[in-house]
C-alpha atoms as a PDB file:
ATOM      1  CA  MET A   1     105.484  68.184 111.330  1.00  0.00           C
ATOM      2  CA  SER A   2     103.757  71.396 111.864  1.00  0.00           C
ATOM      3  CA  GLN A   3     101.068  72.263 109.345  1.00  0.00           C
ATOM      4  CA  LEU A   4     101.486  75.582 107.563  1.00  0.00           C
ATOM      5  CA  THR A   5      98.461  77.624 107.262  1.00  0.00           C
ATOM      6  CA  LEU A   6      97.358  81.064 105.997  1.00  0.00           C
ATOM      7  CA  THR A   7      93.925  82.217 107.558  1.00  0.00           C
ATOM      8  CA  ALA A   8      91.405  83.920 105.767  1.00  0.00           C
ATOM      9  CA  GLU A   9      91.436  85.906 109.417  1.00  0.00           C
ATOM     10  CA  ASP A  10      95.175  86.632 107.938  1.00  0.00           C
ATOM     11  CA  VAL A  11      94.412  87.753 105.109  1.00  0.00           C
ATOM     12  CA  LEU A  12      91.838  89.658 106.025  1.00  0.00           C
ATOM     13  CA  ALA A  13      94.134  91.601 108.839  1.00  0.00           C
ATOM     14  CA  TRP A  14      96.633  92.401 105.760  1.00  0.00           C
ATOM     15  CA  HIS A  15      94.289  93.670 103.359  1.00  0.00           C
ATOM     16  CA  GLU A  16      92.557  95.904 106.336  1.00  0.00           C
ATOM     17  CA  GLN A  17      96.380  97.185 107.088  1.00  0.00           C
ATOM     18  CA  ASN A  18      97.022  97.865 103.674  1.00  0.00           C
ATOM     19  CA  THR A  19      93.650  99.425 103.285  1.00  0.00           C
ATOM     20  CA  ALA A  20      94.196 101.629 106.097  1.00  0.00           C
ATOM     21  CA  ASN A  21      97.595 102.758 104.848  1.00  0.00           C
ATOM     22  CA  TRP A  22      95.466 103.809 101.533  1.00  0.00           C
ATOM     23  CA  ARG A  23      92.726 105.685 103.313  1.00  0.00           C
ATOM     24  CA  HIS A  24      95.223 107.901 105.351  1.00  0.00           C
ATOM     25  CA  LEU A  25      97.504 108.717 102.510  1.00  0.00           C
ATOM     26  CA  LEU A  26      94.881 109.716 100.065  1.00  0.00           C
ATOM     27  CA  ASN A  27      93.022 111.316 103.005  1.00  0.00           C
ATOM     28  CA  GLU A  28      96.498 113.849 102.660  1.00  0.00           C
ATOM     29  CA  HIS A  29      96.081 113.644  99.188  1.00  0.00           C
ATOM     30  CA  PRO A  30      92.480 113.837  97.908  1.00  0.00           C
ATOM     31  CA  GLU A  31      93.436 115.895  94.953  1.00  0.00           C
ATOM     32  CA  ALA A  32      94.553 112.270  93.553  1.00  0.00           C
ATOM     33  CA  LEU A  33      91.240 110.570  93.050  1.00  0.00           C
ATOM     34  CA  ALA A  34      91.322 113.253  89.995  1.00  0.00           C
ATOM     35  CA  LEU A  35      94.697 111.545  88.319  1.00  0.00           C
ATOM     36  CA  PRO A  36      94.125 109.881  84.999  1.00  0.00           C
ATOM     37  CA  CYS A  37      94.418 106.229  84.951  1.00  0.00           C
ATOM     38  CA  ASP A  38      93.819 103.573  82.775  1.00  0.00           C
ATOM     39  CA  ILE A  39      93.658 100.580  85.207  1.00  0.00           C
ATOM     40  CA  ALA A  40      90.539  98.182  84.791  1.00  0.00           C
ATOM     41  CA  GLY A  41      88.661 100.252  82.726  1.00  0.00           C
ATOM     42  CA  ALA A  42      89.415 103.303  85.056  1.00  0.00           C
ATOM     43  CA  LYS A  43      89.402 107.119  83.995  1.00  0.00           C
ATOM     44  CA  THR A  44      90.486 108.568  87.106  1.00  0.00           C
ATOM     45  CA  LEU A  45      92.087 107.286  89.930  1.00  0.00           C
ATOM     46  CA  GLY A  46      88.852 107.478  92.102  1.00  0.00           C
ATOM     47  CA  GLU A  47      87.337 105.397  89.416  1.00  0.00           C
ATOM     48  CA  LEU A  48      89.810 102.415  90.024  1.00  0.00           C
ATOM     49  CA  LEU A  49      89.217 103.119  93.589  1.00  0.00           C
ATOM     50  CA  GLN A  50      85.602 102.716  93.263  1.00  0.00           C
ATOM     51  CA  HIS A  51      86.457  99.354  91.087  1.00  0.00           C
ATOM     52  CA  ILE A  52      88.487  98.237  94.073  1.00  0.00           C
ATOM     53  CA  VAL A  53      85.806  98.970  96.722  1.00  0.00           C
ATOM     54  CA  ALA A  54      82.537  98.021  94.487  1.00  0.00           C
ATOM     55  CA  VAL A  55      84.332  94.277  93.932  1.00  0.00           C
ATOM     56  CA  GLU A  56      84.612  93.743  97.796  1.00  0.00           C
ATOM     57  CA  LEU A  57      81.486  94.731  98.317  1.00  0.00           C
ATOM     58  CA  ARG A  58      79.634  92.768  95.576  1.00  0.00           C
ATOM     59  CA  TYR A  59      81.386  89.800  96.534  1.00  0.00           C
ATOM     60  CA  ALA A  60      80.806  90.180 100.442  1.00  0.00           C
ATOM     61  CA  GLU A  61      77.358  90.557  99.931  1.00  0.00           C
ATOM     62  CA  ARG A  62      77.007  87.552  97.766  1.00  0.00           C
ATOM     63  CA  LEU A  63      78.853  85.427 100.422  1.00  0.00           C
ATOM     64  CA  ALA A  64      76.186  86.950 102.984  1.00  0.00           C
ATOM     65  CA  GLY A  65      73.321  86.087 100.705  1.00  0.00           C
ATOM     66  CA  LEU A  66      72.433  89.336 100.126  1.00  0.00           C
ATOM     67  CA  PRO A  67      71.939  91.043  96.613  1.00  0.00           C
ATOM     68  CA  PRO A  68      74.867  92.837  95.178  1.00  0.00           C
ATOM     69  CA  THR A  69      74.781  96.275  95.415  1.00  0.00           C
ATOM     70  CA  ASP A  70      74.588  97.930  91.863  1.00  0.00           C
ATOM     71  CA  TYR A  71      78.104  99.136  90.608  1.00  0.00           C
ATOM     72  CA  THR A  72      76.846 102.517  89.316  1.00  0.00           C
ATOM     73  CA  THR A  73      75.567 103.698  92.462  1.00  0.00           C
ATOM     74  CA  ILE A  74      78.949 103.083  94.200  1.00  0.00           C
ATOM     75  CA  PRO A  75      80.485 106.432  95.078  1.00  0.00           C
ATOM     76  CA  PHE A  76      83.678 107.765  94.336  1.00  0.00           C
ATOM     77  CA  ASP A  77      84.014 111.655  94.697  1.00  0.00           C
ATOM     78  CA  SER A  78      85.368 111.377  98.032  1.00  0.00           C
ATOM     79  CA  VAL A  79      87.988 109.271  99.978  1.00  0.00           C
ATOM     80  CA  ALA A  80      85.475 109.609 102.610  1.00  0.00           C
ATOM     81  CA  SER A  81      82.757 107.688 100.441  1.00  0.00           C
ATOM     82  CA  ILE A  82      85.082 105.197  99.045  1.00  0.00           C
ATOM     83  CA  TYR A  83      86.417 104.000 102.340  1.00  0.00           C
ATOM     84  CA  ALA A  84      82.641 104.034 103.753  1.00  0.00           C
ATOM     85  CA  THR A  85      82.118 101.055 101.174  1.00  0.00           C
ATOM     86  CA  HIS A  86      84.877  99.176 102.011  1.00  0.00           C
ATOM     87  CA  ASP A  87      83.848  99.538 105.352  1.00  0.00           C
ATOM     88  CA  ARG A  88      80.768  97.918 104.396  1.00  0.00           C
ATOM     89  CA  SER A  89      82.252  95.395 103.099  1.00  0.00           C
ATOM     90  CA  ALA A  90      84.704  94.478 106.257  1.00  0.00           C
ATOM     91  CA  THR A  91      81.852  94.501 108.296  1.00  0.00           C
ATOM     92  CA  LEU A  92      80.404  91.730 106.185  1.00  0.00           C
ATOM     93  CA  PHE A  93      83.701  89.785 105.624  1.00  0.00           C
ATOM     94  CA  ARG A  94      83.905  89.754 109.814  1.00  0.00           C
ATOM     95  CA  ASP A  95      80.505  89.045 110.172  1.00  0.00           C
ATOM     96  CA  LEU A  96      80.878  85.968 107.408  1.00  0.00           C
ATOM     97  CA  LEU A  97      84.176  84.496 109.642  1.00  0.00           C
ATOM     98  CA  THR A  98      82.338  84.091 113.073  1.00  0.00           C
ATOM     99  CA  ILE A  99      79.478  82.075 111.008  1.00  0.00           C
ATOM    100  CA  THR A 100      80.871  78.414 111.893  1.00  0.00           C
ATOM    101  CA  GLU A 101      78.795  76.182 109.847  1.00  0.00           C
ATOM    102  CA  THR A 102      79.835  77.804 106.479  1.00  0.00           C
ATOM    103  CA  ASP A 103      80.654  75.237 103.771  1.00  0.00           C
ATOM    104  CA  TRP A 104      83.563  77.580 102.203  1.00  0.00           C
ATOM    105  CA  SER A 105      84.054  74.541  99.530  1.00  0.00           C
ATOM    106  CA  GLU A 106      80.623  75.150  98.462  1.00  0.00           C
ATOM    107  CA  ARG A 107      79.916  76.864  95.235  1.00  0.00           C
ATOM    108  CA  ILE A 108      77.460  79.487  94.266  1.00  0.00           C
ATOM    109  CA  GLU A 109      76.173  80.761  91.311  1.00  0.00           C
ATOM    110  CA  PHE A 110      76.849  85.050  90.275  1.00  0.00           C
ATOM    111  CA  VAL A 111      77.431  87.358  87.321  1.00  0.00           C
ATOM    112  CA  THR A 112      80.515  89.298  86.892  1.00  0.00           C
ATOM    113  CA  ARG A 113      80.439  92.523  84.969  1.00  0.00           C
ATOM    114  CA  SER A 114      83.258  91.389  82.815  1.00  0.00           C
ATOM    115  CA  LYS A 115      82.407  87.453  82.497  1.00  0.00           C
ATOM    116  CA  GLY A 116      78.995  87.163  82.721  1.00  0.00           C
ATOM    117  CA  PRO A 117      77.496  84.274  84.840  1.00  0.00           C
ATOM    118  CA  ALA A 118      79.827  82.153  86.780  1.00  0.00           C
ATOM    119  CA  ARG A 119      80.135  79.451  89.694  1.00  0.00           C
ATOM    120  CA  ALA A 120      83.034  79.375  91.815  1.00  0.00           C
ATOM    121  CA  SER A 121      83.599  78.228  95.937  1.00  0.00           C
ATOM    122  CA  ARG A 122      82.711  80.577  98.807  1.00  0.00           C
ATOM    123  CA  LYS A 123      86.576  80.328  99.681  1.00  0.00           C
ATOM    124  CA  ALA A 124      87.634  81.127  96.018  1.00  0.00           C
ATOM    125  CA  ILE A 125      85.075  83.950  95.989  1.00  0.00           C
ATOM    126  CA  PHE A 126      86.259  85.521  99.683  1.00  0.00           C
ATOM    127  CA  PHE A 127      90.104  85.243  98.735  1.00  0.00           C
ATOM    128  CA  HIS A 128      89.382  86.651  95.210  1.00  0.00           C
ATOM    129  CA  ALA A 129      87.625  89.886  96.912  1.00  0.00           C
ATOM    130  CA  LEU A 130      90.527  90.491  99.414  1.00  0.00           C
ATOM    131  CA  LEU A 131      93.614  89.460  96.698  1.00  0.00           C
ATOM    132  CA  HIS A 132      91.991  91.614  93.896  1.00  0.00           C
ATOM    133  CA  GLY A 133      92.438  94.761  96.020  1.00  0.00           C
ATOM    134  CA  GLU A 134      95.618  94.218  96.696  1.00  0.00           C
ATOM    135  CA  ARG A 135      96.971  93.743  93.292  1.00  0.00           C
ATOM    136  CA  HIS A 136      95.235  97.069  92.407  1.00  0.00           C
ATOM    137  CA  TYR A 137      96.577  98.639  94.997  1.00  0.00           C
ATOM    138  CA  ALA A 138     100.256  97.617  93.767  1.00  0.00           C
ATOM    139  CA  GLN A 139      99.226  99.210  90.540  1.00  0.00           C
ATOM    140  CA  LEU A 140      98.171 102.657  92.249  1.00  0.00           C
ATOM    141  CA  ALA A 141     101.500 102.666  94.240  1.00  0.00           C
ATOM    142  CA  THR A 142     103.145 102.790  91.049  1.00  0.00           C
ATOM    143  CA  LEU A 143     100.908 105.379  89.434  1.00  0.00           C
ATOM    144  CA  LEU A 144     101.044 107.577  92.106  1.00  0.00           C
ATOM    145  CA  ARG A 145     104.807 107.423  92.554  1.00  0.00           C
ATOM    146  CA  GLN A 146     105.041 108.844  88.842  1.00  0.00           C
ATOM    147  CA  HIS A 147     102.734 111.783  90.078  1.00  0.00           C
ATOM    148  CA  GLY A 148     104.910 112.765  93.049  1.00  0.00           C
ATOM    149  CA  ILE A 149     103.066 111.153  96.251  1.00  0.00           C
ATOM    150  CA  LYS A 150     105.066 108.110  97.462  1.00  0.00           C
ATOM    151  CA  PRO A 151     103.229 105.704  99.999  1.00  0.00           C
ATOM    152  CA  GLY A 152     105.387 105.550 102.758  1.00  0.00           C
ATOM    153  CA  TRP A 153     104.773 102.179 104.043  1.00  0.00           C
ATOM    154  CA  PRO A 154     105.979  98.240 103.198  1.00  0.00           C
ATOM    155  CA  MET A 155     103.277  96.733 101.594  1.00  0.00           C
ATOM    156  CA  ASP A 156     103.836  93.217 101.377  1.00  0.00           C
ATOM    157  CA  TYR A 157     102.359  90.216 103.894  1.00  0.00           C
ATOM    158  CA  LEU A 158     105.924  89.697 104.978  1.00  0.00           C
ATOM    159  CA  PHE A 159     105.726  92.992 107.401  1.00  0.00           C
ATOM    160  CA  MET A 160     102.918  91.660 109.172  1.00  0.00           C
ATOM    161  CA  ASP A 161     105.350  89.557 111.473  1.00  0.00           C
ATOM    162  CA  MET A 162     108.754  91.159 110.484  1.00  0.00           C
ATOM    163  CA  GLU A 163     111.018  92.238 113.747  1.00  0.00           C
ATOM    164  CA  ARG A 164     114.237  93.597 113.086  1.00  0.00           C
ATOM    165  CA  ALA A 165     117.301  91.956 113.957  1.00  0.00           C
END
């Protein structure tokens, strides 16, 4: 029997593909950053995007043994600044996956903004950082459609490997 495995590289590639599509759409509609939004405590869509990339960056930094960037210093004033933060995170995640001696089951301590001090495995933190963004991007898709901006790509993981019959 063959083993069915979804790898960290697979999930990172899916996240990167979706993020590239969001970056492209928001570059076409930068006015969307000012739309009102009540997701994750945000007041605007730009603040929701700040939340998405801040989670990515701060967890990537923790996994890399770096101090987490102060959340309030993470910019959300433009599509370029938001996705510059994402790019820093993606580089850290890719670098982390090249370190073969990493013990992904190791539990590390960190402080969350909403729940305070916590501990979790490196593996759980890695996947949370990526899947958290995908969950919020799904919410973002609904919000944008309500304002007449329609994302034009399939976002489900299935489309990473689907061929038309």
